[in-house]
Amino acid sequence: MTAPRIQCVDLFCGVGGLTHGLARAGIEVVAGIDLDRTCRFPYEANNRARFIHADVKDLKGDDVAALFDGRSLRLLAGCAPCQPFSTYSRSSRLERPDHNWALVGEFARLAREVRPDLISMENVPQLADHPVFGEFVAALDGYSVSWRVEDCVRHGIPQTRKRLVLVASRLGPVGVAPFDAGPHPVTVREAIAHLPVLQAGQADPEDVLHVACRLSEINLRRIRASRPGGTWRDWDPSLRARCHREKSGETYPSVYGRMAWDEPSPTITTQCFGYGNGRFGHPEQDRAISLREAAILQTFPRDYRFIPPGERARFSVHGRLIGNAVPVRIAEAIGRALVAHVRTHAAESGRTRDAA
């Protein structure tokens, strides 16, 4: 028996990490919606889906429902941007803690209005502790809902990243299982060691995204004094930043560090191109990781295109797009779970009809 097709609309699609993973799993993504115009090129250049530039807050359920063909099971998926728990925005999160959660509420509103067969949401783990998450789950009346915090390493992602994953179905119980990632985590070495060598400030002439940020003279001295997996505490005291010499700075060791070759990378953030923004130093080259290396650690394919022909990489733009993306491989795990769920439901329905 052939299982019904699944069509998806990807809310807050960004550059297409979620879309790309779902498509790999066999789900037809018909459209991605995002307010950021810079996502259009990477989204459409790498995915067989239409990019719609729109604010989700302005969409009506009928707008989204019209994107489906009416003959397939409908999946509404997305990762609503949530900034309050960014480690780089602690001050701003205290000043404006509530409006950042509004997009989760908009996702819930569209779920109620569209009533798709399937729903998937991926987000920061801390969302589970916020009242808006309970409100989101409550909005899924009539669905079987499953959620948990997933360790990306268990899905074969070379990155110590944890994400909350929720799946819901009107067909019956559904969940997400990890890939068989093997006995050992995928390491930084396995992910990026094959890329061409770069110096700080240099770009690969064959790959515009394989470009490393410049380093000041003091930061060059610092990274040369850094060991893989170490911290600034390993340096000679003369190299330490003024803030780290103070008592209040001693609790921030995870900056100005190199990655370790034989471990997963730290969580890739929107500032991952900066050596001083985390443990984003290359394991042995005297530079921060390149934008391409960051994308690969997010499990984008090596040939995923982020930049239109003839344009140059912009660290602040493309670092943000890569750091905010859903890792492709966890999206693929979600997609495989949903495809298997639909097949199981179709088989059980067929057996019930045959018995009748």
Protein backbone atom coordinates (compact mmCIF):
# COMPACT_ATOMS: atom_id res chain seq x y z
CA MET A 1 0.00 0.00 0.00
CA THR A 2 1.29 3.44 -0.95
CA ALA A 3 1.17 5.93 1.92
CA PRO A 4 -0.49 9.27 1.29
CA ARG A 5 1.79 12.10 0.24
CA ILE A 6 2.67 14.77 2.77
CA GLN A 7 2.81 18.41 1.75
CA CYS A 8 4.32 21.02 4.03
CA VAL A 9 4.32 24.75 4.55
CA ASP A 10 7.38 25.91 6.49
CA LEU A 11 6.70 28.95 8.67
CA PHE A 12 9.73 31.09 9.63
CA CYS A 13 11.66 29.12 6.99
CA GLY A 14 14.92 31.08 7.07
CA VAL A 15 17.49 29.75 4.61
CA GLY A 16 15.76 26.37 4.47
CA GLY A 17 17.36 24.06 7.01
CA LEU A 18 14.02 22.61 8.07
CA THR A 19 12.71 22.49 4.51
CA HIS A 20 15.85 20.75 3.22
CA GLY A 21 15.74 18.08 5.91
CA LEU A 22 12.03 17.40 5.46
CA ALA A 23 12.52 17.10 1.70
CA ARG A 24 15.32 14.60 2.24
CA ALA A 25 12.87 12.52 4.23
CA GLY A 26 10.38 12.48 1.35
CA ILE A 27 8.06 15.32 2.30
CA GLU A 28 7.03 17.79 -0.39
CA VAL A 29 7.55 21.30 0.94
CA VAL A 30 5.44 23.62 -1.20
CA ALA A 31 6.36 26.94 0.38
CA GLY A 32 8.48 28.64 2.99
CA ILE A 33 7.42 31.88 4.63
CA ASP A 34 9.76 34.40 6.22
CA LEU A 35 9.95 38.12 6.92
CA ASP A 36 13.66 38.30 6.04
CA ARG A 37 14.17 39.01 2.32
CA THR A 38 17.80 37.83 2.46
CA CYS A 39 16.50 34.27 2.88
CA ARG A 40 14.95 34.17 -0.59
CA PHE A 41 18.05 33.26 -2.59
CA PRO A 42 19.36 30.42 -0.38
CA TYR A 43 15.87 29.09 0.20
CA GLU A 44 14.88 28.88 -3.46
CA ALA A 45 18.35 28.06 -4.84
CA ASN A 46 18.57 24.87 -2.77
CA ASN A 47 14.96 23.74 -2.40
CA ARG A 48 12.09 22.96 -4.73
CA ALA A 49 9.77 25.26 -2.87
CA ARG A 50 8.43 28.77 -3.23
CA PHE A 51 9.69 31.50 -0.91
CA ILE A 52 6.97 33.86 0.34
CA HIS A 53 8.12 37.12 1.86
CA ALA A 54 5.52 37.82 4.53
CA ASP A 55 5.05 38.53 8.20
CA VAL A 56 3.40 35.48 9.76
CA LYS A 57 1.41 37.85 11.98
CA ASP A 58 -0.36 39.14 8.87
CA LEU A 59 -1.27 35.71 7.49
CA LYS A 60 -4.71 34.20 7.78
CA GLY A 61 -5.41 30.51 7.97
CA ASP A 62 -7.02 30.60 4.54
CA ASP A 63 -3.81 32.08 3.06
CA VAL A 64 -1.81 29.12 4.30
CA ALA A 65 -4.45 26.48 3.52
CA ALA A 66 -4.57 27.67 -0.11
CA LEU A 67 -0.91 26.66 -0.56
CA PHE A 68 -1.75 22.95 -0.23
CA ASP A 69 -3.14 21.02 -3.21
CA GLY A 70 -6.05 19.49 -1.29
CA ARG A 71 -5.04 15.94 -2.21
CA SER A 72 -2.22 15.34 0.28
CA LEU A 73 -1.86 15.23 4.02
CA ARG A 74 -1.00 18.71 5.28
CA LEU A 75 1.97 19.45 7.53
CA LEU A 76 2.45 22.84 9.16
CA ALA A 77 6.03 23.15 10.40
CA GLY A 78 8.30 25.84 11.68
CA CYS A 79 10.77 27.24 14.16
CA ALA A 80 9.38 30.48 15.55
CA PRO A 81 12.29 32.84 16.34
CA CYS A 82 12.76 33.17 20.10
CA GLN A 83 15.49 35.54 21.22
CA PRO A 84 15.02 35.77 25.03
CA PHE A 85 17.36 32.87 25.71
CA SER A 86 20.21 33.96 23.49
CA THR A 87 23.41 34.02 25.54
CA TYR A 88 24.31 37.22 23.74
CA SER A 89 21.17 39.19 24.61
CA ARG A 90 20.85 38.91 28.38
CA SER A 91 20.32 42.63 28.91
CA SER A 92 17.75 43.04 26.17
CA ARG A 93 15.79 39.98 27.31
CA LEU A 94 15.17 41.68 30.65
CA GLU A 95 13.96 44.84 28.95
CA ARG A 96 11.50 43.22 26.56
CA PRO A 97 10.81 39.63 27.62
CA ASP A 98 7.34 39.05 26.18
CA HIS A 99 7.09 40.19 22.58
CA ASN A 100 9.72 37.65 21.49
CA TRP A 101 7.26 34.88 22.27
CA ALA A 102 4.50 36.41 20.14
CA LEU A 103 5.49 34.38 17.08
CA VAL A 104 4.93 31.12 18.96
CA GLY A 105 1.40 32.38 19.60
CA GLU A 106 1.01 33.19 15.90
CA PHE A 107 2.08 29.64 15.05
CA ALA A 108 -0.62 28.34 17.41
CA ARG A 109 -3.21 30.64 15.85
CA LEU A 110 -2.45 29.38 12.34
CA ALA A 111 -2.53 25.78 13.55
CA ARG A 112 -6.03 26.36 14.91
CA GLU A 113 -7.19 28.08 11.72
CA VAL A 114 -5.63 25.64 9.23
CA ARG A 115 -6.16 22.42 11.23
CA PRO A 116 -3.46 20.53 9.30
CA ASP A 117 -3.12 16.78 9.64
CA LEU A 118 0.39 17.11 11.08
CA ILE A 119 2.33 19.77 12.97
CA SER A 120 6.00 20.06 13.82
CA MET A 121 7.74 22.75 15.87
CA GLU A 122 11.46 23.00 16.70
CA ASN A 123 12.72 25.57 19.18
CA VAL A 124 15.00 26.39 22.11
CA PRO A 125 14.70 23.96 25.06
CA GLN A 126 13.86 26.79 27.48
CA LEU A 127 10.59 27.36 25.64
CA ALA A 128 9.14 24.39 27.55
CA ASP A 129 9.40 26.42 30.78
CA HIS A 130 7.45 29.39 29.43
CA PRO A 131 3.64 29.69 29.66
CA VAL A 132 3.40 30.25 25.90
CA PHE A 133 4.47 26.64 25.32
CA GLY A 134 1.61 25.33 27.42
CA GLU A 135 -0.71 27.59 25.48
CA PHE A 136 0.68 26.22 22.21
CA VAL A 137 0.07 22.61 23.28
CA ALA A 138 -3.42 23.50 24.53
CA ALA A 139 -4.22 24.93 21.10
CA LEU A 140 -3.65 21.48 19.58
CA ASP A 141 -6.93 20.07 20.83
CA GLY A 142 -7.78 16.92 18.90
CA TYR A 143 -4.14 16.10 18.16
CA SER A 144 -1.87 13.47 19.59
CA VAL A 145 1.09 15.56 20.81
CA SER A 146 4.63 14.41 21.60
CA TRP A 147 7.59 16.57 22.54
CA ARG A 148 10.98 16.30 24.12
CA VAL A 149 14.35 18.00 24.20
CA GLU A 150 16.57 16.38 21.60
CA ASP A 151 20.35 16.15 21.83
CA CYS A 152 21.55 16.92 18.32
CA VAL A 153 24.59 14.68 18.78
CA ARG A 154 22.22 11.69 18.94
CA HIS A 155 21.06 12.59 15.44
CA GLY A 156 24.54 12.53 13.93
CA ILE A 157 25.03 16.29 14.14
CA PRO A 158 28.63 17.30 14.97
CA GLN A 159 27.48 19.91 17.46
CA THR A 160 26.54 20.01 21.14
CA ARG A 161 23.16 21.58 20.50
CA LYS A 162 19.91 20.78 22.27
CA ARG A 163 16.52 21.60 20.77
CA LEU A 164 12.92 21.16 21.79
CA VAL A 165 11.08 19.15 19.14
CA LEU A 166 7.30 18.83 19.09
CA VAL A 167 5.27 16.73 16.67
CA ALA A 168 1.50 16.43 16.59
CA SER A 169 -0.90 14.38 14.52
CA ARG A 170 -4.62 14.02 14.00
CA LEU A 171 -4.00 10.46 12.78
CA GLY A 172 -2.74 8.94 16.04
CA PRO A 173 0.30 8.74 18.36
CA VAL A 174 3.54 10.04 16.85
CA GLY A 175 7.10 10.64 18.08
CA VAL A 176 10.66 11.30 16.93
CA ALA A 177 13.41 8.68 17.13
CA PRO A 178 17.13 9.44 16.73
CA PHE A 179 19.16 8.29 13.77
CA ASP A 180 21.49 5.37 14.35
CA ALA A 181 24.41 7.75 14.71
CA GLY A 182 26.79 4.98 15.68
CA PRO A 183 28.74 4.41 18.89
CA HIS A 184 30.62 7.72 18.69
CA PRO A 185 29.49 11.29 18.02
CA VAL A 186 30.35 12.87 14.68
CA THR A 187 33.37 15.06 15.33
CA VAL A 188 34.64 18.39 14.09
CA ARG A 189 37.44 16.51 12.30
CA GLU A 190 34.97 14.35 10.38
CA ALA A 191 32.89 17.37 9.48
CA ILE A 192 35.37 20.02 8.34
CA ALA A 193 38.96 18.71 8.25
CA HIS A 194 38.76 18.22 4.49
CA LEU A 195 38.18 21.91 3.70
CA PRO A 196 40.99 24.04 2.23
CA VAL A 197 43.34 25.75 4.67
CA LEU A 198 42.65 29.45 5.29
CA GLN A 199 44.35 32.27 7.11
CA ALA A 200 42.38 34.84 9.12
CA GLY A 201 40.80 37.31 6.70
CA GLN A 202 41.24 34.97 3.74
CA ALA A 203 38.55 33.59 1.40
CA ASP A 204 38.66 30.40 -0.68
CA PRO A 205 38.57 31.46 -4.37
CA GLU A 206 36.49 28.37 -5.15
CA ASP A 207 33.88 28.88 -2.42
CA VAL A 208 32.73 32.36 -1.48
CA LEU A 209 31.25 31.07 1.81
CA HIS A 210 34.54 29.54 2.94
CA VAL A 211 35.84 32.81 4.32
CA ALA A 212 37.36 33.58 7.72
CA CYS A 213 37.06 36.81 9.66
CA ARG A 214 40.12 38.99 10.17
CA LEU A 215 41.88 38.95 13.52
CA SER A 216 43.58 41.81 15.29
CA GLU A 217 47.22 41.42 16.26
CA ILE A 218 46.31 40.76 19.90
CA ASN A 219 43.76 38.10 18.88
CA LEU A 220 46.31 36.44 16.60
CA ARG A 221 48.62 36.19 19.59
CA ARG A 222 45.77 34.84 21.69
CA ILE A 223 44.71 32.13 19.27
CA ARG A 224 48.32 31.02 18.83
CA ALA A 225 48.44 30.57 22.59
CA SER A 226 45.19 28.58 22.61
CA ARG A 227 44.95 24.82 22.65
CA PRO A 228 42.03 22.78 21.26
CA GLY A 229 39.28 22.50 23.85
CA GLY A 230 41.04 24.97 26.14
CA THR A 231 40.14 28.45 27.36
CA TRP A 232 41.73 31.86 27.81
CA ARG A 233 42.83 30.64 31.23
CA ASP A 234 45.61 28.77 29.42
CA TRP A 235 47.18 32.04 28.21
CA ASP A 236 49.91 34.10 29.71
CA PRO A 237 48.15 36.70 31.91
CA SER A 238 49.37 39.49 29.64
CA LEU A 239 47.10 38.21 26.85
CA ARG A 240 43.93 38.15 28.91
CA ALA A 241 41.19 40.66 28.23
CA ARG A 242 40.66 43.25 30.93
CA CYS A 243 37.19 41.89 31.76
CA HIS A 244 38.65 38.40 32.37
CA ARG A 245 41.19 39.76 34.81
CA GLU A 246 38.34 40.92 37.01
CA LYS A 247 36.54 38.59 39.39
CA SER A 248 33.25 38.93 37.48
CA GLY A 249 34.86 37.64 34.28
CA GLU A 250 36.15 34.38 35.68
CA THR A 251 32.84 32.60 35.09
CA TYR A 252 32.97 33.09 31.28
CA PRO A 253 35.55 30.55 30.10
CA SER A 254 33.82 29.57 26.86
CA VAL A 255 35.12 32.47 24.78
CA TYR A 256 38.39 32.89 22.89
CA GLY A 257 38.76 29.13 22.59
CA ARG A 258 39.57 26.60 19.89
CA MET A 259 37.31 23.70 19.00
CA ALA A 260 38.65 20.19 19.61
CA TRP A 261 39.16 18.01 16.54
CA ASP A 262 37.81 14.81 18.03
CA GLU A 263 34.70 16.17 19.73
CA PRO A 264 31.50 17.77 18.43
CA SER A 265 31.63 21.54 18.12
CA PRO A 266 29.95 23.88 20.58
CA THR A 267 26.52 25.20 19.63
CA ILE A 268 26.77 27.22 16.43
CA THR A 269 25.38 30.71 17.04
CA THR A 270 24.77 33.78 14.91
CA GLN A 271 28.19 35.07 16.05
CA CYS A 272 30.11 31.88 15.31
CA PHE A 273 32.44 33.59 12.84
CA GLY A 274 34.05 35.60 15.64
CA TYR A 275 36.91 34.09 17.62
CA GLY A 276 36.01 36.11 20.73
CA ASN A 277 32.33 35.11 20.67
CA GLY A 278 32.69 31.55 21.93
CA ARG A 279 34.85 28.49 21.39
CA PHE A 280 34.84 29.15 17.66
CA GLY A 281 38.56 29.02 16.95
CA HIS A 282 39.61 26.47 14.34
CA PRO A 283 41.26 23.44 15.99
CA GLU A 284 44.66 24.13 14.42
CA GLN A 285 44.53 27.01 11.94
CA ASP A 286 45.00 30.47 13.49
CA ARG A 287 41.52 31.81 12.79
CA ALA A 288 37.87 31.44 13.67
CA ILE A 289 35.82 28.92 11.72
CA SER A 290 34.64 30.03 8.30
CA LEU A 291 31.03 30.55 7.36
CA ARG A 292 31.13 27.36 5.28
CA GLU A 293 32.49 25.38 8.21
CA ALA A 294 29.69 26.76 10.38
CA ALA A 295 27.12 25.71 7.77
CA ILE A 296 28.59 22.20 7.59
CA LEU A 297 28.48 21.90 11.38
CA GLN A 298 24.79 22.80 11.02
CA THR A 299 24.68 19.79 8.61
CA PHE A 300 24.00 21.80 5.47
CA PRO A 301 25.49 20.06 2.40
CA ARG A 302 28.90 21.33 1.30
CA ASP A 303 27.37 22.75 -1.88
CA TYR A 304 24.44 24.55 -0.23
CA ARG A 305 24.34 28.01 -1.81
CA PHE A 306 23.84 30.96 0.51
CA ILE A 307 25.08 33.82 -1.68
CA PRO A 308 23.92 34.91 -5.16
CA PRO A 309 26.55 34.74 -7.93
CA GLY A 310 28.81 37.77 -7.99
CA GLU A 311 28.17 38.76 -4.38
CA ARG A 312 30.48 38.48 -1.38
CA ALA A 313 29.81 36.96 2.01
CA ARG A 314 28.75 39.32 4.78
CA PHE A 315 29.62 37.96 8.19
CA SER A 316 26.85 39.75 10.07
CA VAL A 317 24.20 38.63 7.57
CA HIS A 318 25.26 35.13 6.66
CA GLY A 319 26.47 34.29 10.16
CA ARG A 320 23.02 35.19 11.43
CA LEU A 321 21.27 33.12 8.76
CA ILE A 322 23.44 30.06 9.43
CA GLY A 323 23.32 30.32 13.22
CA ASN A 324 19.53 30.72 13.24
CA ALA A 325 18.92 27.75 10.94
CA VAL A 326 17.41 24.44 11.94
CA PRO A 327 20.14 21.78 11.54
CA VAL A 328 19.27 19.85 8.40
CA ARG A 329 19.82 16.46 9.97
CA ILE A 330 17.42 16.97 12.87
CA ALA A 331 14.84 18.21 10.37
CA GLU A 332 15.39 15.00 8.41
CA ALA A 333 14.84 12.98 11.58
CA ILE A 334 11.54 14.79 12.14
CA GLY A 335 10.56 14.16 8.54
CA ARG A 336 11.38 10.45 8.69
CA ALA A 337 9.32 10.10 11.86
CA LEU A 338 6.33 11.76 10.22
CA VAL A 339 6.64 9.68 7.02
CA ALA A 340 6.85 6.46 9.08
CA HIS A 341 3.86 7.60 11.15
CA VAL A 342 1.75 8.19 8.04
CA ARG A 343 2.73 4.82 6.58
CA THR A 344 1.81 3.06 9.81
CA HIS A 345 -1.53 4.83 9.91
CA ALA A 346 -2.23 3.93 6.26
CA ALA A 347 -1.37 0.27 6.88
CA GLU A 348 -3.57 0.10 9.98
CA SER A 349 -6.43 1.77 8.14
CA GLY A 350 -6.05 -0.71 5.29
CA ARG A 351 -6.15 -3.68 7.68
CA THR A 352 -9.28 -2.26 9.32
CA ARG A 353 -11.02 -1.91 5.96
CA ASP A 354 -10.00 -5.43 4.93
CA ALA A 355 -11.33 -6.85 8.21
CA ALA A 356 -14.61 -5.04 7.71
